[in-house]
């Protein structure tokens, strides 16, 4: 099946680290999201957080095992999307 334009702009990933998406982990996401030309979002259970805001992401409450979606607003930021997904998959460097 050919990927749709929307699927190229978002990817789902499961939070693998024991502490989940906490402040230090969110700060690592912010560093990557700030490299994007446009907006980057973390989405959980239909709630959307700005990936450049630690407080927004903490407010999503993403414990270990939670599935989140990383979404970019501009296809030019696909490298940022992939870096954030890899960071999450690696447990924010905590595994």
Protein backbone atom coordinates (compact mmCIF):
# COMPACT_ATOMS: atom_id res chain seq x y z
CA UNK A 1 0.00 0.00 0.00
CA UNK A 2 1.34 3.43 -0.95
CA UNK A 3 1.74 5.80 2.01
CA UNK A 4 -0.61 8.77 2.08
CA UNK A 5 0.57 12.34 2.54
CA UNK A 6 -0.89 12.28 6.07
CA UNK A 7 1.03 9.12 7.02
CA UNK A 8 4.27 10.81 5.99
CA UNK A 9 3.53 13.61 8.44
CA UNK A 10 2.96 11.45 11.52
CA UNK A 11 4.23 8.30 13.18
CA UNK A 12 2.99 6.40 16.21
CA UNK A 13 5.38 5.07 18.82
CA UNK A 14 5.14 3.45 22.26
CA UNK A 15 6.89 5.02 25.25
CA UNK A 16 9.33 2.28 26.41
CA UNK A 17 11.15 3.79 29.38
CA UNK A 18 10.06 3.17 32.96
CA UNK A 19 9.47 6.82 33.84
CA UNK A 20 7.54 7.65 30.68
CA UNK A 21 7.59 11.13 29.16
CA UNK A 22 8.83 13.13 32.15
CA UNK A 23 10.43 16.61 32.22
CA UNK A 24 13.98 15.57 31.33
CA UNK A 25 12.77 13.35 28.48
CA UNK A 26 10.47 16.13 27.24
CA UNK A 27 13.41 18.55 27.24
CA UNK A 28 15.19 16.22 24.80
CA UNK A 29 12.14 16.27 22.54
CA UNK A 30 12.09 20.08 22.70
CA UNK A 31 15.70 20.28 21.50
CA UNK A 32 14.79 18.28 18.41
CA UNK A 33 11.41 19.94 17.79
CA UNK A 34 13.02 23.38 17.85
CA UNK A 35 15.02 22.36 14.75
CA UNK A 36 11.81 22.11 12.71
CA UNK A 37 10.72 24.83 10.30
CA UNK A 38 7.10 24.43 11.36
CA UNK A 39 5.08 23.04 14.25
CA UNK A 40 5.66 19.61 15.78
CA UNK A 41 3.07 17.93 17.98
CA UNK A 42 2.90 14.98 20.36
CA UNK A 43 -0.59 13.46 20.46
CA UNK A 44 -2.04 11.03 23.01
CA UNK A 45 -5.67 9.95 23.25
CA UNK A 46 -6.74 12.77 20.94
CA UNK A 47 -5.02 15.46 23.00
CA UNK A 48 -2.34 17.45 21.23
CA UNK A 49 0.75 19.04 22.80
CA UNK A 50 3.24 21.45 21.27
CA UNK A 51 6.53 19.51 21.12
CA UNK A 52 8.47 22.69 21.88
CA UNK A 53 6.74 22.99 25.28
CA UNK A 54 7.81 20.77 28.16
CA UNK A 55 4.67 21.70 30.11
CA UNK A 56 2.38 20.84 27.20
CA UNK A 57 3.96 17.40 26.85
CA UNK A 58 3.93 16.68 30.60
CA UNK A 59 0.22 17.53 30.60
CA UNK A 60 -0.47 14.59 28.27
CA UNK A 61 0.56 12.10 30.99
CA UNK A 62 2.46 9.53 28.94
CA UNK A 63 3.60 6.67 31.20
CA UNK A 64 5.58 3.64 30.11
CA UNK A 65 3.57 1.73 27.52
CA UNK A 66 1.55 4.73 26.32
CA UNK A 67 1.19 5.10 22.57
CA UNK A 68 1.78 8.58 21.21
CA UNK A 69 1.79 10.03 17.73
CA UNK A 70 4.43 12.50 16.60
CA UNK A 71 3.06 14.83 13.92
CA UNK A 72 4.73 17.51 11.84
CA UNK A 73 2.97 20.32 10.00
CA UNK A 74 5.40 20.49 7.06
CA UNK A 75 6.81 17.58 5.02
CA UNK A 76 10.16 19.41 5.01
CA UNK A 77 10.49 18.45 8.70
CA UNK A 78 10.40 14.68 8.15
CA UNK A 79 13.98 14.34 9.45
CA UNK A 80 12.93 15.99 12.71
CA UNK A 81 9.94 13.64 12.90
CA UNK A 82 12.19 10.61 12.46
CA UNK A 83 14.72 11.85 15.03
CA UNK A 84 11.99 12.36 17.64
CA UNK A 85 10.57 8.89 16.97
CA UNK A 86 14.05 7.34 17.29
CA UNK A 87 14.60 9.24 20.56
CA UNK A 88 11.34 7.90 21.98
CA UNK A 89 12.02 4.35 20.74
CA UNK A 90 15.40 4.52 22.50
CA UNK A 91 13.66 5.40 25.77
CA UNK A 92 15.04 8.94 25.69
CA UNK A 93 18.49 7.44 26.33
CA UNK A 94 17.34 5.85 29.60
CA UNK A 95 17.16 2.19 28.54
